N, C-alpha and C. Protein backbone atom coordinates (compact mmCIF):
# COMPACT_ATOMS: atom_id res chain seq x y z
N MET A 1 0.81 -1.20 0.00
CA MET A 1 0.00 0.00 0.00
C MET A 1 0.86 1.26 0.00
N CYS A 2 2.10 1.15 -0.41
CA CYS A 2 2.90 2.36 -0.49
C CYS A 2 2.44 3.19 -1.69
N ARG A 3 2.94 4.40 -1.76
CA ARG A 3 2.55 5.27 -2.86
C ARG A 3 3.02 4.69 -4.19
N ARG A 4 2.23 4.88 -5.19
CA ARG A 4 2.57 4.30 -6.51
C ARG A 4 3.89 4.83 -7.04
N GLU A 5 4.19 6.10 -6.78
CA GLU A 5 5.44 6.66 -7.29
C GLU A 5 6.67 6.09 -6.57
N ASP A 6 6.46 5.43 -5.41
CA ASP A 6 7.56 4.81 -4.69
C ASP A 6 7.83 3.36 -5.13
N LEU A 7 6.95 2.81 -5.96
CA LEU A 7 7.13 1.43 -6.42
C LEU A 7 8.22 1.35 -7.48
N SER A 8 8.97 0.27 -7.44
CA SER A 8 9.93 0.03 -8.50
C SER A 8 9.17 -0.42 -9.75
N THR A 9 9.82 -0.41 -10.88
CA THR A 9 9.17 -0.81 -12.13
C THR A 9 8.70 -2.26 -12.04
N LYS A 10 9.53 -3.11 -11.44
CA LYS A 10 9.17 -4.52 -11.29
C LYS A 10 7.93 -4.68 -10.41
N ASP A 11 7.89 -3.96 -9.29
CA ASP A 11 6.73 -4.03 -8.39
C ASP A 11 5.49 -3.47 -9.05
N GLU A 12 5.65 -2.43 -9.82
CA GLU A 12 4.50 -1.83 -10.51
C GLU A 12 3.91 -2.80 -11.54
N GLU A 13 4.78 -3.49 -12.26
CA GLU A 13 4.31 -4.48 -13.23
C GLU A 13 3.61 -5.64 -12.52
N ARG A 14 4.15 -6.08 -11.40
CA ARG A 14 3.55 -7.19 -10.65
C ARG A 14 2.19 -6.77 -10.10
N LEU A 15 2.08 -5.56 -9.60
CA LEU A 15 0.80 -5.06 -9.10
C LEU A 15 -0.23 -5.01 -10.22
N LEU A 16 0.18 -4.59 -11.38
CA LEU A 16 -0.73 -4.55 -12.52
C LEU A 16 -1.21 -5.95 -12.89
N GLN A 17 -0.31 -6.92 -12.87
CA GLN A 17 -0.68 -8.31 -13.17
C GLN A 17 -1.71 -8.83 -12.16
N VAL A 18 -1.48 -8.55 -10.89
CA VAL A 18 -2.39 -9.02 -9.85
C VAL A 18 -3.75 -8.34 -9.99
N ARG A 19 -3.73 -7.05 -10.27
CA ARG A 19 -4.99 -6.31 -10.42
C ARG A 19 -5.79 -6.81 -11.63
N LEU A 20 -5.11 -7.16 -12.70
CA LEU A 20 -5.79 -7.68 -13.87
C LEU A 20 -6.33 -9.09 -13.64
N ALA A 21 -5.62 -9.86 -12.83
CA ALA A 21 -6.02 -11.25 -12.59
C ALA A 21 -7.21 -11.37 -11.64
N CYS A 22 -7.37 -10.42 -10.75
CA CYS A 22 -8.42 -10.55 -9.74
C CYS A 22 -9.13 -9.21 -9.51
N PRO A 23 -10.35 -9.08 -10.02
CA PRO A 23 -11.09 -7.83 -9.84
C PRO A 23 -11.40 -7.50 -8.38
N GLU A 24 -11.55 -8.53 -7.52
CA GLU A 24 -11.80 -8.26 -6.11
C GLU A 24 -10.62 -7.58 -5.44
N ILE A 25 -9.41 -8.01 -5.79
CA ILE A 25 -8.21 -7.37 -5.24
C ILE A 25 -8.13 -5.93 -5.74
N THR A 26 -8.47 -5.72 -7.00
CA THR A 26 -8.46 -4.37 -7.56
C THR A 26 -9.41 -3.48 -6.79
N ARG A 27 -10.63 -3.96 -6.54
CA ARG A 27 -11.63 -3.16 -5.82
C ARG A 27 -11.18 -2.89 -4.39
N ALA A 28 -10.66 -3.91 -3.71
CA ALA A 28 -10.20 -3.74 -2.34
C ALA A 28 -9.04 -2.75 -2.27
N CYS A 29 -8.13 -2.83 -3.22
CA CYS A 29 -6.99 -1.93 -3.26
C CYS A 29 -7.45 -0.48 -3.49
N ASP A 30 -8.38 -0.30 -4.41
CA ASP A 30 -8.90 1.05 -4.69
C ASP A 30 -9.60 1.63 -3.47
N LEU A 31 -10.40 0.82 -2.79
CA LEU A 31 -11.09 1.31 -1.60
C LEU A 31 -10.11 1.60 -0.46
N ALA A 32 -9.08 0.78 -0.33
CA ALA A 32 -8.07 1.03 0.70
C ALA A 32 -7.33 2.33 0.44
N ARG A 33 -6.99 2.58 -0.81
CA ARG A 33 -6.32 3.84 -1.14
C ARG A 33 -7.22 5.04 -0.89
N THR A 34 -8.50 4.89 -1.21
CA THR A 34 -9.44 5.98 -0.97
C THR A 34 -9.59 6.24 0.53
N PHE A 35 -9.68 5.17 1.32
CA PHE A 35 -9.78 5.34 2.77
C PHE A 35 -8.52 5.98 3.33
N HIS A 36 -7.37 5.58 2.83
CA HIS A 36 -6.11 6.19 3.26
C HIS A 36 -6.12 7.68 2.97
N ASN A 37 -6.63 8.05 1.81
CA ASN A 37 -6.73 9.46 1.44
C ASN A 37 -7.67 10.20 2.40
N LEU A 38 -8.80 9.59 2.76
CA LEU A 38 -9.73 10.20 3.72
C LEU A 38 -9.04 10.45 5.05
N ALA A 39 -8.27 9.47 5.50
CA ALA A 39 -7.64 9.57 6.81
C ALA A 39 -6.50 10.58 6.82
N THR A 40 -5.66 10.56 5.80
CA THR A 40 -4.49 11.45 5.82
C THR A 40 -4.83 12.90 5.51
N HIS A 41 -5.89 13.14 4.79
CA HIS A 41 -6.26 14.52 4.44
C HIS A 41 -7.47 15.02 5.23
N ARG A 42 -7.85 14.29 6.28
CA ARG A 42 -8.96 14.68 7.17
C ARG A 42 -10.23 15.02 6.40
N ARG A 43 -10.70 14.05 5.64
CA ARG A 43 -11.91 14.24 4.85
C ARG A 43 -13.03 13.36 5.39
N GLY A 44 -13.32 13.53 6.67
CA GLY A 44 -14.35 12.74 7.32
C GLY A 44 -15.73 12.95 6.73
N HIS A 45 -15.97 14.11 6.12
CA HIS A 45 -17.28 14.37 5.52
C HIS A 45 -17.57 13.45 4.34
N LEU A 46 -16.54 12.79 3.79
CA LEU A 46 -16.73 11.86 2.68
C LEU A 46 -16.84 10.40 3.13
N LEU A 47 -16.79 10.19 4.43
CA LEU A 47 -16.77 8.82 4.96
C LEU A 47 -18.05 8.05 4.61
N MET A 48 -19.20 8.67 4.73
CA MET A 48 -20.45 7.97 4.45
C MET A 48 -20.51 7.48 3.00
N ASP A 49 -20.00 8.29 2.07
CA ASP A 49 -19.94 7.87 0.66
C ASP A 49 -19.03 6.65 0.51
N TRP A 50 -17.90 6.67 1.21
CA TRP A 50 -16.96 5.55 1.14
C TRP A 50 -17.62 4.28 1.69
N ILE A 51 -18.33 4.41 2.80
CA ILE A 51 -19.00 3.25 3.40
C ILE A 51 -20.04 2.68 2.44
N ARG A 52 -20.80 3.54 1.80
CA ARG A 52 -21.81 3.06 0.83
C ARG A 52 -21.15 2.30 -0.31
N GLN A 53 -20.06 2.85 -0.84
CA GLN A 53 -19.35 2.16 -1.93
C GLN A 53 -18.83 0.81 -1.46
N ALA A 54 -18.26 0.77 -0.27
CA ALA A 54 -17.69 -0.47 0.25
C ALA A 54 -18.77 -1.51 0.51
N GLU A 55 -19.93 -1.10 0.98
CA GLU A 55 -20.99 -2.06 1.26
C GLU A 55 -21.66 -2.57 -0.01
N GLN A 56 -21.56 -1.84 -1.09
CA GLN A 56 -22.21 -2.26 -2.33
C GLN A 56 -21.43 -3.33 -3.08
N ASP A 57 -20.17 -3.06 -3.36
CA ASP A 57 -19.46 -3.97 -4.28
C ASP A 57 -18.04 -4.32 -3.86
N ALA A 58 -17.77 -4.31 -2.58
CA ALA A 58 -16.43 -4.64 -2.11
C ALA A 58 -16.36 -6.10 -1.68
N PRO A 59 -15.15 -6.65 -1.59
CA PRO A 59 -14.99 -8.01 -1.04
C PRO A 59 -15.47 -8.05 0.41
N ALA A 60 -15.78 -9.23 0.89
CA ALA A 60 -16.37 -9.41 2.22
C ALA A 60 -15.58 -8.75 3.36
N PRO A 61 -14.25 -8.86 3.42
CA PRO A 61 -13.53 -8.22 4.52
C PRO A 61 -13.69 -6.70 4.53
N VAL A 62 -13.71 -6.08 3.37
CA VAL A 62 -13.87 -4.62 3.30
C VAL A 62 -15.30 -4.24 3.67
N ARG A 63 -16.27 -5.04 3.25
CA ARG A 63 -17.66 -4.79 3.63
C ARG A 63 -17.82 -4.87 5.15
N GLY A 64 -17.16 -5.86 5.75
CA GLY A 64 -17.21 -6.00 7.20
C GLY A 64 -16.60 -4.79 7.90
N PHE A 65 -15.48 -4.32 7.38
CA PHE A 65 -14.84 -3.13 7.95
C PHE A 65 -15.76 -1.92 7.83
N ALA A 66 -16.41 -1.77 6.69
CA ALA A 66 -17.33 -0.64 6.48
C ALA A 66 -18.51 -0.73 7.45
N GLY A 67 -19.02 -1.92 7.66
CA GLY A 67 -20.11 -2.10 8.61
C GLY A 67 -19.69 -1.77 10.03
N PHE A 68 -18.46 -2.13 10.37
CA PHE A 68 -17.92 -1.82 11.68
C PHE A 68 -17.80 -0.31 11.87
N LEU A 69 -17.36 0.40 10.82
CA LEU A 69 -17.26 1.86 10.90
C LEU A 69 -18.63 2.50 11.08
N ARG A 70 -19.62 1.92 10.43
CA ARG A 70 -20.99 2.47 10.51
C ARG A 70 -21.54 2.38 11.93
N GLN A 71 -21.12 1.38 12.71
CA GLN A 71 -21.62 1.21 14.07
C GLN A 71 -21.33 2.41 14.96
N ASP A 72 -20.19 3.05 14.75
CA ASP A 72 -19.83 4.21 15.56
C ASP A 72 -19.45 5.36 14.63
N LEU A 73 -20.35 5.67 13.75
CA LEU A 73 -20.10 6.63 12.67
C LEU A 73 -19.68 8.00 13.17
N ASP A 74 -20.34 8.51 14.22
CA ASP A 74 -20.01 9.85 14.71
C ASP A 74 -18.57 9.93 15.21
N ALA A 75 -18.14 8.92 15.95
CA ALA A 75 -16.78 8.93 16.48
C ALA A 75 -15.75 8.80 15.36
N VAL A 76 -16.01 7.93 14.40
CA VAL A 76 -15.06 7.74 13.29
C VAL A 76 -14.99 9.00 12.44
N THR A 77 -16.13 9.62 12.18
CA THR A 77 -16.14 10.86 11.40
C THR A 77 -15.37 11.95 12.13
N ALA A 78 -15.57 12.05 13.44
CA ALA A 78 -14.82 13.05 14.22
C ALA A 78 -13.33 12.76 14.17
N GLY A 79 -12.95 11.49 14.27
CA GLY A 79 -11.54 11.13 14.21
C GLY A 79 -10.90 11.44 12.87
N LEU A 80 -11.70 11.37 11.80
CA LEU A 80 -11.17 11.66 10.47
C LEU A 80 -11.30 13.13 10.09
N THR A 81 -11.94 13.92 10.93
CA THR A 81 -12.17 15.32 10.60
C THR A 81 -11.41 16.27 11.52
N LEU A 82 -11.50 16.04 12.81
CA LEU A 82 -10.94 16.97 13.79
C LEU A 82 -9.43 16.79 13.91
N GLU A 83 -8.78 17.84 14.33
CA GLU A 83 -7.32 17.79 14.44
C GLU A 83 -6.86 17.25 15.79
N TRP A 84 -7.78 17.10 16.74
CA TRP A 84 -7.41 16.59 18.05
C TRP A 84 -7.19 15.10 18.00
N SER A 85 -6.30 14.63 18.87
CA SER A 85 -5.97 13.22 18.90
C SER A 85 -5.72 12.78 20.33
N SER A 86 -5.99 11.54 20.63
CA SER A 86 -5.70 11.00 21.96
C SER A 86 -4.34 10.31 21.97
N GLY A 87 -3.54 10.55 20.95
CA GLY A 87 -2.24 9.91 20.85
C GLY A 87 -1.31 10.19 22.01
N VAL A 88 -1.32 11.42 22.51
CA VAL A 88 -0.45 11.79 23.63
C VAL A 88 -0.88 11.05 24.89
N VAL A 89 -2.18 10.99 25.11
CA VAL A 89 -2.69 10.28 26.28
C VAL A 89 -2.35 8.81 26.19
N GLU A 90 -2.58 8.21 25.02
CA GLU A 90 -2.26 6.79 24.84
C GLU A 90 -0.77 6.54 25.02
N GLY A 91 0.05 7.44 24.54
CA GLY A 91 1.49 7.29 24.70
C GLY A 91 1.91 7.31 26.16
N ASN A 92 1.33 8.23 26.94
CA ASN A 92 1.65 8.29 28.36
C ASN A 92 1.15 7.06 29.10
N ALA A 93 -0.04 6.58 28.75
CA ALA A 93 -0.55 5.36 29.39
C ALA A 93 0.36 4.18 29.09
N ASN A 94 0.84 4.09 27.87
CA ASN A 94 1.75 3.02 27.48
C ASN A 94 3.07 3.14 28.23
N ARG A 95 3.57 4.37 28.41
CA ARG A 95 4.83 4.60 29.13
C ARG A 95 4.69 4.15 30.58
N VAL A 96 3.58 4.52 31.23
CA VAL A 96 3.35 4.15 32.62
C VAL A 96 3.27 2.63 32.76
N LYS A 97 2.55 1.99 31.85
CA LYS A 97 2.44 0.53 31.91
C LYS A 97 3.79 -0.14 31.74
N THR A 98 4.61 0.40 30.85
CA THR A 98 5.94 -0.17 30.63
C THR A 98 6.79 -0.04 31.89
N ILE A 99 6.79 1.13 32.50
CA ILE A 99 7.55 1.33 33.74
C ILE A 99 7.05 0.38 34.83
N LYS A 100 5.73 0.28 34.93
CA LYS A 100 5.13 -0.58 35.95
C LYS A 100 5.54 -2.04 35.74
N ARG A 101 5.53 -2.49 34.50
CA ARG A 101 5.92 -3.88 34.22
C ARG A 101 7.39 -4.15 34.52
N THR A 102 8.25 -3.17 34.22
CA THR A 102 9.67 -3.40 34.48
C THR A 102 9.97 -3.44 35.98
N MET A 103 9.13 -2.77 36.77
CA MET A 103 9.37 -2.71 38.21
C MET A 103 8.52 -3.73 38.97
N TYR A 104 7.78 -4.55 38.28
CA TYR A 104 6.83 -5.47 38.93
C TYR A 104 7.48 -6.26 40.05
N ASN A 105 6.91 -6.11 41.23
CA ASN A 105 7.32 -6.87 42.41
C ASN A 105 8.75 -6.56 42.85
N ARG A 106 9.32 -5.47 42.43
CA ARG A 106 10.71 -5.15 42.77
C ARG A 106 10.86 -3.85 43.55
N ALA A 107 9.83 -3.00 43.54
CA ALA A 107 9.99 -1.71 44.19
C ALA A 107 8.67 -1.27 44.79
N SER A 108 8.76 -0.24 45.58
CA SER A 108 7.57 0.27 46.26
C SER A 108 6.78 1.21 45.35
N PHE A 109 5.56 1.51 45.79
CA PHE A 109 4.72 2.44 45.06
C PHE A 109 5.37 3.82 45.00
N ARG A 110 6.08 4.20 46.06
CA ARG A 110 6.75 5.51 46.11
C ARG A 110 7.76 5.64 44.97
N LEU A 111 8.57 4.63 44.76
CA LEU A 111 9.56 4.67 43.68
C LEU A 111 8.87 4.69 42.32
N LEU A 112 7.82 3.91 42.17
CA LEU A 112 7.05 3.91 40.92
C LEU A 112 6.52 5.31 40.64
N ARG A 113 5.98 5.96 41.64
CA ARG A 113 5.45 7.32 41.48
C ARG A 113 6.53 8.29 41.05
N ILE A 114 7.69 8.18 41.66
CA ILE A 114 8.81 9.07 41.31
C ILE A 114 9.25 8.84 39.88
N ARG A 115 9.33 7.57 39.46
CA ARG A 115 9.76 7.27 38.09
C ARG A 115 8.75 7.77 37.04
N ILE A 116 7.48 7.72 37.39
CA ILE A 116 6.45 8.16 36.45
C ILE A 116 6.41 9.68 36.37
N LEU A 117 6.51 10.36 37.49
CA LEU A 117 6.37 11.82 37.51
C LEU A 117 7.63 12.55 37.04
N THR A 118 8.79 11.93 37.15
CA THR A 118 10.03 12.58 36.68
C THR A 118 10.44 11.92 35.40
N ARG A 119 10.53 12.73 34.38
CA ARG A 119 10.92 12.19 33.06
C ARG A 119 12.41 12.38 32.86
N PRO A 120 13.07 11.41 32.25
CA PRO A 120 14.52 11.56 31.98
C PRO A 120 14.80 12.62 30.95
């Protein structure tokens, strides 16, 4: 799923052969590229159109993914539209869990607190 301009000539020819041999792969690849474009350019307002296309004529795994997105449409649309992200919060939660696991059963809560609150 890398950018087409980053493909070598050999890889581009192989991709073309695969796309010609299997229309389902072609459709799945096109929908994946379109979804990637929605996500990277924050075009959440186009998500419903993408879901409709995927549910109409996509292979079963892509249809399932589209149905899953439809279940929480407001949250997914907000995630693809708004500039805010929970990435920082998730990163800190992951950092705390990592510290906690490395210290498991070896130190007191006081030391754990100090290690979490003071960053190197």
